[in-house]
């Protein structure tokens, strides 16, 4: 049984779109999306610097575009061999489009607004995020809460991301939870916390204008790891998740409970495949990083779609 996963912010690397855009159809699609949202995705994905694509307003549309291009090259329009989809944070928009709940153009409009509004909410907030690596989950979460921070991403595999004021993050770094170390992340604000509430209100208004369809593939939600099969609920959860914690650990548990035997992570791939490998070692992983991986990915699909049919 096969699942498709879409990565979140921080997975992007300079030039990761370049090999994908050697395909004329993909290049035209990226150009069309660029025109639609007023952002040069071609340049951002090929020649832009690491600093430029780290900017939230640029990173998020770039990530969704990359994921959609990679998945389309691999599956075309036929995703019938995929049993579940999931995405980490902004990757949920990619996943919603792959599931068929949103068309690709609507997904790009939504992610463009999401990135811009989250950047605005973060601006001047004096907030940030730090990864807490190692330690017992309950001990780490208690320590994060004790200094007034939020456990914004619970990624499994001994990785929890704390978010909130820069002062509180500094205090956490000086007194890390037992058995852990704290590493500051290069982000502009406290994503997935109440700091993002203004962005939620804006995105909710936009989401109400989008055409939503019933998904063809079940969607696993960051909110609680639940399997969601109603299009409007998927979108409502994506919007609310901007200011709510990401429970990727629960998403991975759901993959295992549902009998998923293999996952393919769409571009820019690697991060989620690594988390699944550490947390759910019985699930095989495949990171689709470049067009050179397409043949091997097709073989992986054949193996795991057969497993799901048995």
C-alpha atoms as a PDB file:
ATOM      1  CA  UNK A   1       0.000   0.000   0.000  1.00  0.00           C
ATOM      2  CA  UNK A   2       1.455   3.317  -1.119  1.00  0.00           C
ATOM      3  CA  UNK A   3       1.343   6.852   0.324  1.00  0.00           C
ATOM      4  CA  UNK A   4       2.553  10.122  -1.216  1.00  0.00           C
ATOM      5  CA  UNK A   5       4.164  12.661   1.140  1.00  0.00           C
ATOM      6  CA  UNK A   6       4.891  16.345   0.498  1.00  0.00           C
ATOM      7  CA  UNK A   7       7.629  18.168   2.437  1.00  0.00           C
ATOM      8  CA  UNK A   8       7.387  21.461   4.291  1.00  0.00           C
ATOM      9  CA  UNK A   9       9.389  24.649   4.602  1.00  0.00           C
ATOM     10  CA  UNK A  10      13.117  24.160   5.072  1.00  0.00           C
ATOM     11  CA  UNK A  11      13.306  21.297   2.577  1.00  0.00           C
ATOM     12  CA  UNK A  12      14.060  23.600  -0.354  1.00  0.00           C
ATOM     13  CA  UNK A  13      17.616  23.913  -1.677  1.00  0.00           C
ATOM     14  CA  UNK A  14      19.001  26.298  -4.328  1.00  0.00           C
ATOM     15  CA  UNK A  15      18.400  25.072  -7.861  1.00  0.00           C
ATOM     16  CA  UNK A  16      16.316  22.021  -6.931  1.00  0.00           C
ATOM     17  CA  UNK A  17      13.817  22.719  -9.731  1.00  0.00           C
ATOM     18  CA  UNK A  18      16.470  22.929 -12.469  1.00  0.00           C
ATOM     19  CA  UNK A  19      16.473  19.271 -13.582  1.00  0.00           C
ATOM     20  CA  UNK A  20      12.682  19.114 -13.526  1.00  0.00           C
ATOM     21  CA  UNK A  21      12.372  22.135 -15.804  1.00  0.00           C
ATOM     22  CA  UNK A  22      14.330  20.421 -18.562  1.00  0.00           C
ATOM     23  CA  UNK A  23      10.939  18.917 -19.398  1.00  0.00           C
ATOM     24  CA  UNK A  24       9.048  21.393 -21.626  1.00  0.00           C
ATOM     25  CA  UNK A  25       5.633  20.603 -20.156  1.00  0.00           C
ATOM     26  CA  UNK A  26       6.888  21.136 -16.604  1.00  0.00           C
ATOM     27  CA  UNK A  27       8.626  24.374 -17.584  1.00  0.00           C
ATOM     28  CA  UNK A  28       5.423  25.681 -19.168  1.00  0.00           C
ATOM     29  CA  UNK A  29       3.378  24.755 -16.107  1.00  0.00           C
ATOM     30  CA  UNK A  30       5.789  26.583 -13.789  1.00  0.00           C
ATOM     31  CA  UNK A  31       5.659  29.610 -16.099  1.00  0.00           C
ATOM     32  CA  UNK A  32       1.858  29.575 -16.047  1.00  0.00           C
ATOM     33  CA  UNK A  33       1.764  29.418 -12.246  1.00  0.00           C
ATOM     34  CA  UNK A  34       4.351  32.183 -12.034  1.00  0.00           C
ATOM     35  CA  UNK A  35       2.151  34.461 -14.109  1.00  0.00           C
ATOM     36  CA  UNK A  36      -0.947  33.539 -12.114  1.00  0.00           C
ATOM     37  CA  UNK A  37       0.533  34.447  -8.728  1.00  0.00           C
ATOM     38  CA  UNK A  38       2.985  37.161  -9.779  1.00  0.00           C
ATOM     39  CA  UNK A  39       6.072  35.327  -8.561  1.00  0.00           C
ATOM     40  CA  UNK A  40       8.915  34.085 -10.749  1.00  0.00           C
ATOM     41  CA  UNK A  41       8.997  30.439  -9.683  1.00  0.00           C
ATOM     42  CA  UNK A  42      11.346  29.521 -12.519  1.00  0.00           C
ATOM     43  CA  UNK A  43      14.065  31.861 -11.256  1.00  0.00           C
ATOM     44  CA  UNK A  44      13.424  30.989  -7.612  1.00  0.00           C
ATOM     45  CA  UNK A  45      13.751  27.290  -8.355  1.00  0.00           C
ATOM     46  CA  UNK A  46      16.864  27.523 -10.522  1.00  0.00           C
ATOM     47  CA  UNK A  47      19.159  30.487  -9.842  1.00  0.00           C
ATOM     48  CA  UNK A  48      17.927  32.189  -6.655  1.00  0.00           C
ATOM     49  CA  UNK A  49      20.147  32.142  -3.562  1.00  0.00           C
ATOM     50  CA  UNK A  50      19.531  30.139  -0.400  1.00  0.00           C
ATOM     51  CA  UNK A  51      18.627  33.335   1.450  1.00  0.00           C
ATOM     52  CA  UNK A  52      16.039  34.321  -1.141  1.00  0.00           C
ATOM     53  CA  UNK A  53      14.284  30.976  -1.157  1.00  0.00           C
ATOM     54  CA  UNK A  54      14.375  30.871   2.650  1.00  0.00           C
ATOM     55  CA  UNK A  55      11.993  33.848   2.648  1.00  0.00           C
ATOM     56  CA  UNK A  56       8.599  32.444   3.644  1.00  0.00           C
ATOM     57  CA  UNK A  57       6.759  34.295   0.888  1.00  0.00           C
ATOM     58  CA  UNK A  58       9.030  32.657  -1.705  1.00  0.00           C
ATOM     59  CA  UNK A  59       9.660  29.283  -0.103  1.00  0.00           C
ATOM     60  CA  UNK A  60       6.085  28.143   0.280  1.00  0.00           C
ATOM     61  CA  UNK A  61       4.889  28.561  -3.337  1.00  0.00           C
ATOM     62  CA  UNK A  62       8.186  27.096  -4.547  1.00  0.00           C
ATOM     63  CA  UNK A  63       7.744  23.995  -2.407  1.00  0.00           C
ATOM     64  CA  UNK A  64       4.194  23.332  -3.568  1.00  0.00           C
ATOM     65  CA  UNK A  65       5.131  23.917  -7.206  1.00  0.00           C
ATOM     66  CA  UNK A  66       8.066  21.505  -6.923  1.00  0.00           C
ATOM     67  CA  UNK A  67       5.940  18.819  -5.317  1.00  0.00           C
ATOM     68  CA  UNK A  68       3.208  19.092  -7.926  1.00  0.00           C
ATOM     69  CA  UNK A  69       5.704  18.972 -10.803  1.00  0.00           C
ATOM     70  CA  UNK A  70       7.482  15.896  -9.430  1.00  0.00           C
ATOM     71  CA  UNK A  71       4.237  14.035  -8.735  1.00  0.00           C
ATOM     72  CA  UNK A  72       2.819  14.901 -12.148  1.00  0.00           C
ATOM     73  CA  UNK A  73       5.963  13.676 -13.911  1.00  0.00           C
ATOM     74  CA  UNK A  74       5.715  10.409 -11.974  1.00  0.00           C
ATOM     75  CA  UNK A  75       1.995   9.684 -12.143  1.00  0.00           C
ATOM     76  CA  UNK A  76       0.634  11.855 -14.955  1.00  0.00           C
ATOM     77  CA  UNK A  77      -3.050  12.294 -14.130  1.00  0.00           C
ATOM     78  CA  UNK A  78      -3.567   8.789 -12.735  1.00  0.00           C
ATOM     79  CA  UNK A  79      -3.037   8.588  -8.987  1.00  0.00           C
ATOM     80  CA  UNK A  80      -5.142   5.440  -8.594  1.00  0.00           C
ATOM     81  CA  UNK A  81      -2.204   3.471  -7.155  1.00  0.00           C
ATOM     82  CA  UNK A  82      -1.858   5.904  -4.244  1.00  0.00           C
ATOM     83  CA  UNK A  83      -3.797   4.922  -1.112  1.00  0.00           C
ATOM     84  CA  UNK A  84      -3.076   7.970   1.106  1.00  0.00           C
ATOM     85  CA  UNK A  85      -1.565  11.436   0.899  1.00  0.00           C
ATOM     86  CA  UNK A  86      -0.070  13.633   3.606  1.00  0.00           C
ATOM     87  CA  UNK A  87       2.062  16.762   3.785  1.00  0.00           C
ATOM     88  CA  UNK A  88       4.098  18.501   6.452  1.00  0.00           C
ATOM     89  CA  UNK A  89       2.818  22.033   7.150  1.00  0.00           C
ATOM     90  CA  UNK A  90       2.694  23.838   3.788  1.00  0.00           C
ATOM     91  CA  UNK A  91       3.056  20.410   2.188  1.00  0.00           C
ATOM     92  CA  UNK A  92      -0.578  19.829   3.140  1.00  0.00           C
ATOM     93  CA  UNK A  93      -1.548  22.119   0.258  1.00  0.00           C
ATOM     94  CA  UNK A  94       0.467  19.946  -2.125  1.00  0.00           C
ATOM     95  CA  UNK A  95      -1.188  16.863  -0.641  1.00  0.00           C
ATOM     96  CA  UNK A  96      -4.673  18.361  -0.993  1.00  0.00           C
ATOM     97  CA  UNK A  97      -4.045  19.000  -4.685  1.00  0.00           C
ATOM     98  CA  UNK A  98      -2.657  15.494  -5.203  1.00  0.00           C
ATOM     99  CA  UNK A  99      -5.749  14.079  -3.484  1.00  0.00           C
ATOM    100  CA  UNK A 100      -7.980  16.034  -5.844  1.00  0.00           C
ATOM    101  CA  UNK A 101      -9.558  18.269  -3.184  1.00  0.00           C
ATOM    102  CA  UNK A 102      -8.050  21.370  -4.862  1.00  0.00           C
ATOM    103  CA  UNK A 103      -7.084  21.934  -8.478  1.00  0.00           C
ATOM    104  CA  UNK A 104      -3.462  22.896  -9.023  1.00  0.00           C
ATOM    105  CA  UNK A 105      -4.170  26.553  -9.861  1.00  0.00           C
ATOM    106  CA  UNK A 106      -6.220  26.982  -6.681  1.00  0.00           C
ATOM    107  CA  UNK A 107      -3.463  25.322  -4.679  1.00  0.00           C
ATOM    108  CA  UNK A 108      -0.934  27.807  -6.034  1.00  0.00           C
ATOM    109  CA  UNK A 109      -3.201  30.777  -5.251  1.00  0.00           C
ATOM    110  CA  UNK A 110      -3.737  29.486  -1.729  1.00  0.00           C
ATOM    111  CA  UNK A 111      -0.061  28.833  -1.012  1.00  0.00           C
ATOM    112  CA  UNK A 112       0.981  32.196  -2.436  1.00  0.00           C
ATOM    113  CA  UNK A 113      -1.385  33.941  -0.050  1.00  0.00           C
ATOM    114  CA  UNK A 114      -0.354  31.658   2.828  1.00  0.00           C
ATOM    115  CA  UNK A 115       3.330  32.432   2.437  1.00  0.00           C
ATOM    116  CA  UNK A 116       2.747  36.177   2.082  1.00  0.00           C
ATOM    117  CA  UNK A 117       0.397  36.411   5.055  1.00  0.00           C
ATOM    118  CA  UNK A 118       2.588  34.297   7.329  1.00  0.00           C
ATOM    119  CA  UNK A 119       5.548  36.512   6.455  1.00  0.00           C
ATOM    120  CA  UNK A 120       3.497  39.581   7.349  1.00  0.00           C
ATOM    121  CA  UNK A 121       2.374  38.039  10.645  1.00  0.00           C
ATOM    122  CA  UNK A 122       5.961  37.152  11.534  1.00  0.00           C
ATOM    123  CA  UNK A 123       7.391  40.563  10.651  1.00  0.00           C
ATOM    124  CA  UNK A 124       8.453  42.425  13.791  1.00  0.00           C
ATOM    125  CA  UNK A 125       7.044  39.744  16.087  1.00  0.00           C
ATOM    126  CA  UNK A 126      10.399  39.040  17.804  1.00  0.00           C
ATOM    127  CA  UNK A 127       9.591  35.344  17.604  1.00  0.00           C
ATOM    128  CA  UNK A 128      11.290  32.303  16.169  1.00  0.00           C
ATOM    129  CA  UNK A 129      11.664  28.531  16.327  1.00  0.00           C
ATOM    130  CA  UNK A 130      14.236  26.040  17.639  1.00  0.00           C
ATOM    131  CA  UNK A 131      14.543  22.292  17.191  1.00  0.00           C
ATOM    132  CA  UNK A 132      14.825  20.232  20.351  1.00  0.00           C
ATOM    133  CA  UNK A 133      16.674  17.050  19.448  1.00  0.00           C
ATOM    134  CA  UNK A 134      16.570  14.022  21.722  1.00  0.00           C
ATOM    135  CA  UNK A 135      15.039  13.578  25.140  1.00  0.00           C
ATOM    136  CA  UNK A 136      11.757  11.985  26.213  1.00  0.00           C
ATOM    137  CA  UNK A 137       8.720  13.448  24.468  1.00  0.00           C
ATOM    138  CA  UNK A 138       6.734  14.296  27.623  1.00  0.00           C
ATOM    139  CA  UNK A 139       9.767  15.832  29.330  1.00  0.00           C
ATOM    140  CA  UNK A 140      10.610  17.947  26.286  1.00  0.00           C
ATOM    141  CA  UNK A 141       7.040  19.210  25.807  1.00  0.00           C
ATOM    142  CA  UNK A 142       6.760  20.061  29.505  1.00  0.00           C
ATOM    143  CA  UNK A 143      10.016  22.050  29.364  1.00  0.00           C
ATOM    144  CA  UNK A 144       8.859  23.906  26.250  1.00  0.00           C
ATOM    145  CA  UNK A 145       5.555  24.818  27.885  1.00  0.00           C
ATOM    146  CA  UNK A 146       7.255  25.811  31.143  1.00  0.00           C
ATOM    147  CA  UNK A 147       9.116  28.703  29.481  1.00  0.00           C
ATOM    148  CA  UNK A 148       6.035  29.943  27.643  1.00  0.00           C
ATOM    149  CA  UNK A 149       6.779  28.342  24.285  1.00  0.00           C
ATOM    150  CA  UNK A 150       4.667  26.095  22.055  1.00  0.00           C
ATOM    151  CA  UNK A 151       5.562  22.653  20.749  1.00  0.00           C
ATOM    152  CA  UNK A 152       4.817  23.775  17.199  1.00  0.00           C
ATOM    153  CA  UNK A 153       6.048  20.692  15.302  1.00  0.00           C
ATOM    154  CA  UNK A 154       6.186  17.219  16.806  1.00  0.00           C
ATOM    155  CA  UNK A 155       8.090  15.406  14.089  1.00  0.00           C
ATOM    156  CA  UNK A 156       8.740  12.080  15.759  1.00  0.00           C
ATOM    157  CA  UNK A 157      12.113  10.413  15.892  1.00  0.00           C
ATOM    158  CA  UNK A 158      13.185  12.574  18.821  1.00  0.00           C
ATOM    159  CA  UNK A 159      12.590  15.914  17.103  1.00  0.00           C
ATOM    160  CA  UNK A 160      10.231  18.557  18.480  1.00  0.00           C
ATOM    161  CA  UNK A 161      10.268  22.192  17.345  1.00  0.00           C
ATOM    162  CA  UNK A 162       9.626  24.875  19.953  1.00  0.00           C
ATOM    163  CA  UNK A 163       8.229  28.240  18.890  1.00  0.00           C
ATOM    164  CA  UNK A 164       7.592  31.575  20.539  1.00  0.00           C
ATOM    165  CA  UNK A 165       9.482  34.595  21.787  1.00  0.00           C
ATOM    166  CA  UNK A 166      13.189  34.860  21.058  1.00  0.00           C
ATOM    167  CA  UNK A 167      13.846  35.475  24.755  1.00  0.00           C
ATOM    168  CA  UNK A 168      12.088  32.268  25.775  1.00  0.00           C
ATOM    169  CA  UNK A 169      13.910  30.329  23.054  1.00  0.00           C
ATOM    170  CA  UNK A 170      17.216  31.610  24.401  1.00  0.00           C
ATOM    171  CA  UNK A 171      16.202  30.447  27.890  1.00  0.00           C
ATOM    172  CA  UNK A 172      15.361  27.009  26.525  1.00  0.00           C
ATOM    173  CA  UNK A 173      18.744  26.791  24.787  1.00  0.00           C
ATOM    174  CA  UNK A 174      20.537  27.691  28.008  1.00  0.00           C
ATOM    175  CA  UNK A 175      18.602  25.053  29.954  1.00  0.00           C
ATOM    176  CA  UNK A 176      17.743  22.265  27.500  1.00  0.00           C
ATOM    177  CA  UNK A 177      15.459  19.427  28.579  1.00  0.00           C
ATOM    178  CA  UNK A 178      17.268  16.416  29.969  1.00  0.00           C
ATOM    179  CA  UNK A 179      18.942  14.337  27.277  1.00  0.00           C
ATOM    180  CA  UNK A 180      18.389  16.888  24.528  1.00  0.00           C
ATOM    181  CA  UNK A 181      20.095  19.690  22.648  1.00  0.00           C
ATOM    182  CA  UNK A 182      18.496  22.830  21.225  1.00  0.00           C
ATOM    183  CA  UNK A 183      19.278  24.209  17.765  1.00  0.00           C
ATOM    184  CA  UNK A 184      17.924  27.538  16.514  1.00  0.00           C
ATOM    185  CA  UNK A 185      16.188  27.427  13.120  1.00  0.00           C
ATOM    186  CA  UNK A 186      16.587  30.037  10.388  1.00  0.00           C
ATOM    187  CA  UNK A 187      12.943  31.109  10.233  1.00  0.00           C
ATOM    188  CA  UNK A 188      11.380  34.541  10.544  1.00  0.00           C
ATOM    189  CA  UNK A 189       8.748  33.859  13.183  1.00  0.00           C
ATOM    190  CA  UNK A 190       6.790  31.460  15.373  1.00  0.00           C
ATOM    191  CA  UNK A 191       4.896  29.459  12.774  1.00  0.00           C
ATOM    192  CA  UNK A 192       2.078  27.180  13.928  1.00  0.00           C
ATOM    193  CA  UNK A 193       1.394  29.298  17.004  1.00  0.00           C
ATOM    194  CA  UNK A 194      -1.043  32.092  17.888  1.00  0.00           C
ATOM    195  CA  UNK A 195       1.411  34.553  16.288  1.00  0.00           C
ATOM    196  CA  UNK A 196      -0.024  33.391  12.954  1.00  0.00           C
ATOM    197  CA  UNK A 197      -3.673  34.162  13.860  1.00  0.00           C
ATOM    198  CA  UNK A 198      -3.897  37.163  11.469  1.00  0.00           C
ATOM    199  CA  UNK A 199      -2.829  34.909   8.592  1.00  0.00           C
ATOM    200  CA  UNK A 200      -5.562  32.407   9.456  1.00  0.00           C
ATOM    201  CA  UNK A 201      -8.268  35.053   9.123  1.00  0.00           C
ATOM    202  CA  UNK A 202      -6.986  36.136   5.707  1.00  0.00           C
ATOM    203  CA  UNK A 203      -6.632  32.583   4.393  1.00  0.00           C
ATOM    204  CA  UNK A 204     -10.100  31.627   5.613  1.00  0.00           C
ATOM    205  CA  UNK A 205     -11.591  34.407   3.481  1.00  0.00           C
ATOM    206  CA  UNK A 206      -9.666  33.257   0.426  1.00  0.00           C
ATOM    207  CA  UNK A 207     -10.471  29.595   1.014  1.00  0.00           C
ATOM    208  CA  UNK A 208     -14.182  30.381   1.031  1.00  0.00           C
ATOM    209  CA  UNK A 209     -13.909  31.525  -2.596  1.00  0.00           C
ATOM    210  CA  UNK A 210     -12.134  28.401  -3.886  1.00  0.00           C
ATOM    211  CA  UNK A 211     -13.840  25.462  -5.560  1.00  0.00           C
ATOM    212  CA  UNK A 212     -13.425  22.355  -3.438  1.00  0.00           C
ATOM    213  CA  UNK A 213     -13.929  18.793  -4.660  1.00  0.00           C
ATOM    214  CA  UNK A 214     -14.297  15.512  -2.860  1.00  0.00           C
ATOM    215  CA  UNK A 215     -10.814  13.964  -2.669  1.00  0.00           C
ATOM    216  CA  UNK A 216     -10.085  10.820  -4.650  1.00  0.00           C
ATOM    217  CA  UNK A 217      -7.403   9.822  -2.146  1.00  0.00           C
ATOM    218  CA  UNK A 218      -7.768   9.917   1.675  1.00  0.00           C
ATOM    219  CA  UNK A 219      -5.821  12.772   3.307  1.00  0.00           C
ATOM    220  CA  UNK A 220      -3.955  12.387   6.614  1.00  0.00           C
ATOM    221  CA  UNK A 221      -4.177  15.615   8.626  1.00  0.00           C
ATOM    222  CA  UNK A 222      -1.370  17.352  10.533  1.00  0.00           C
ATOM    223  CA  UNK A 223      -3.841  18.399  13.217  1.00  0.00           C
ATOM    224  CA  UNK A 224      -4.251  14.978  14.790  1.00  0.00           C
ATOM    225  CA  UNK A 225      -3.241  12.325  12.281  1.00  0.00           C
ATOM    226  CA  UNK A 226      -6.886  11.752  11.320  1.00  0.00           C
ATOM    227  CA  UNK A 227      -7.821  10.397   7.893  1.00  0.00           C
ATOM    228  CA  UNK A 228     -10.045  12.997   6.221  1.00  0.00           C
ATOM    229  CA  UNK A 229     -12.138  12.282   3.145  1.00  0.00           C
ATOM    230  CA  UNK A 230     -14.274  15.447   2.889  1.00  0.00           C
ATOM    231  CA  UNK A 231     -12.865  18.224   0.712  1.00  0.00           C
ATOM    232  CA  UNK A 232     -14.131  21.187   2.714  1.00  0.00           C
ATOM    233  CA  UNK A 233     -12.883  19.695   5.974  1.00  0.00           C
ATOM    234  CA  UNK A 234      -9.441  19.195   4.434  1.00  0.00           C
ATOM    235  CA  UNK A 235      -9.275  22.867   3.462  1.00  0.00           C
ATOM    236  CA  UNK A 236     -10.613  24.071   6.827  1.00  0.00           C
ATOM    237  CA  UNK A 237      -7.961  22.021   8.595  1.00  0.00           C
ATOM    238  CA  UNK A 238      -5.205  23.366   6.332  1.00  0.00           C
ATOM    239  CA  UNK A 239      -6.234  26.947   7.078  1.00  0.00           C
ATOM    240  CA  UNK A 240      -6.530  26.424  10.836  1.00  0.00           C
ATOM    241  CA  UNK A 241      -3.217  24.577  10.952  1.00  0.00           C
ATOM    242  CA  UNK A 242      -1.351  27.815  10.227  1.00  0.00           C
ATOM    243  CA  UNK A 243      -1.781  28.728  13.902  1.00  0.00           C
ATOM    244  CA  UNK A 244      -1.886  25.187  15.296  1.00  0.00           C
ATOM    245  CA  UNK A 245       0.821  22.616  16.057  1.00  0.00           C
ATOM    246  CA  UNK A 246       1.877  20.093  13.415  1.00  0.00           C
ATOM    247  CA  UNK A 247       1.592  16.527  14.722  1.00  0.00           C
ATOM    248  CA  UNK A 248       3.663  14.778  12.096  1.00  0.00           C
ATOM    249  CA  UNK A 249       4.372  12.044  14.630  1.00  0.00           C
ATOM    250  CA  UNK A 250       0.667  11.160  14.605  1.00  0.00           C
ATOM    251  CA  UNK A 251       0.561  11.270  10.812  1.00  0.00           C
ATOM    252  CA  UNK A 252       3.328   8.671  10.674  1.00  0.00           C
ATOM    253  CA  UNK A 253       1.523   6.507  13.221  1.00  0.00           C
ATOM    254  CA  UNK A 254      -1.571   6.666  11.015  1.00  0.00           C
ATOM    255  CA  UNK A 255       0.425   5.573   7.968  1.00  0.00           C
ATOM    256  CA  UNK A 256       1.531   2.492   9.872  1.00  0.00           C
ATOM    257  CA  UNK A 257      -1.920   1.734  11.330  1.00  0.00           C
ATOM    258  CA  UNK A 258      -3.493   1.981   7.864  1.00  0.00           C
ATOM    259  CA  UNK A 259      -1.132  -0.644   6.505  1.00  0.00           C
ATOM    260  CA  UNK A 260       1.029   1.583   4.311  1.00  0.00           C
ATOM    261  CA  UNK A 261       4.067  -0.409   3.173  1.00  0.00           C
ATOM    262  CA  UNK A 262       5.862   2.271   1.152  1.00  0.00           C
ATOM    263  CA  UNK A 263       5.981   6.067   0.899  1.00  0.00           C
ATOM    264  CA  UNK A 264       7.235   8.301  -1.879  1.00  0.00           C
ATOM    265  CA  UNK A 265       8.224  11.817  -0.888  1.00  0.00           C
ATOM    266  CA  UNK A 266       7.787  14.336  -3.707  1.00  0.00           C
ATOM    267  CA  UNK A 267      10.382  17.066  -4.419  1.00  0.00           C
ATOM    268  CA  UNK A 268      12.295  18.552  -2.743  1.00  0.00           C
ATOM    269  CA  UNK A 269      12.458  15.148  -1.113  1.00  0.00           C
ATOM    270  CA  UNK A 270      14.465  13.684   1.724  1.00  0.00           C
ATOM    271  CA  UNK A 271      13.319  15.181   5.023  1.00  0.00           C
ATOM    272  CA  UNK A 272      10.069  13.261   5.489  1.00  0.00           C
ATOM    273  CA  UNK A 273      11.516  10.034   4.139  1.00  0.00           C
ATOM    274  CA  UNK A 274      14.182  10.316   6.831  1.00  0.00           C
ATOM    275  CA  UNK A 275      11.620  10.894   9.581  1.00  0.00           C
ATOM    276  CA  UNK A 276       9.523   7.920   8.467  1.00  0.00           C
ATOM    277  CA  UNK A 277      12.606   5.717   8.303  1.00  0.00           C
ATOM    278  CA  UNK A 278      13.490   6.579  11.901  1.00  0.00           C
ATOM    279  CA  UNK A 279      10.002   6.465  13.397  1.00  0.00           C
ATOM    280  CA  UNK A 280       8.316   3.720  11.359  1.00  0.00           C
ATOM    281  CA  UNK A 281      11.148   1.537  10.146  1.00  0.00           C
ATOM    282  CA  UNK A 282       8.836  -1.137   8.722  1.00  0.00           C
ATOM    283  CA  UNK A 283       7.654   1.320   6.035  1.00  0.00           C
ATOM    284  CA  UNK A 284       9.920   1.496   2.975  1.00  0.00           C
ATOM    285  CA  UNK A 285      10.786   4.983   1.783  1.00  0.00           C
ATOM    286  CA  UNK A 286      11.622   6.587  -1.556  1.00  0.00           C
ATOM    287  CA  UNK A 287      12.801  10.196  -1.947  1.00  0.00           C
ATOM    288  CA  UNK A 288      11.980  11.522  -5.422  1.00  0.00           C
ATOM    289  CA  UNK A 289      14.772  14.058  -5.822  1.00  0.00           C
ATOM    290  CA  UNK A 290      15.291  14.383  -9.578  1.00  0.00           C
ATOM    291  CA  UNK A 291      13.973  13.059 -12.910  1.00  0.00           C
ATOM    292  CA  UNK A 292      16.745  10.472 -12.764  1.00  0.00           C
ATOM    293  CA  UNK A 293      14.748   8.802  -9.984  1.00  0.00           C
ATOM    294  CA  UNK A 294      11.575   8.343 -12.057  1.00  0.00           C
ATOM    295  CA  UNK A 295      12.332   4.828 -13.316  1.00  0.00           C
ATOM    296  CA  UNK A 296      13.220   3.516  -9.873  1.00  0.00           C
ATOM    297  CA  UNK A 297      10.176   5.294  -8.428  1.00  0.00           C
ATOM    298  CA  UNK A 298       7.916   3.533 -10.942  1.00  0.00           C
ATOM    299  CA  UNK A 299       9.314   0.199  -9.791  1.00  0.00           C
ATOM    300  CA  UNK A 300       8.709   1.209  -6.169  1.00  0.00           C
ATOM    301  CA  UNK A 301       5.094   2.084  -7.033  1.00  0.00           C
ATOM    302  CA  UNK A 302       4.569  -1.287  -8.712  1.00  0.00           C
ATOM    303  CA  UNK A 303       5.904  -3.094  -5.669  1.00  0.00           C
ATOM    304  CA  UNK A 304       3.797  -1.267  -3.113  1.00  0.00           C
ATOM    305  CA  UNK A 305       0.587  -0.921  -5.084  1.00  0.00           C
ATOM    306  CA  UNK A 306       0.703  -4.726  -5.471  1.00  0.00           C
ATOM    307  CA  UNK A 307       1.227  -5.018  -1.730  1.00  0.00           C
ATOM    308  CA  UNK A 308      -1.904  -2.948  -1.194  1.00  0.00           C
ATOM    309  CA  UNK A 309      -3.918  -5.158  -3.538  1.00  0.00           C
ATOM    310  CA  UNK A 310      -3.039  -8.432  -1.827  1.00  0.00           C
END
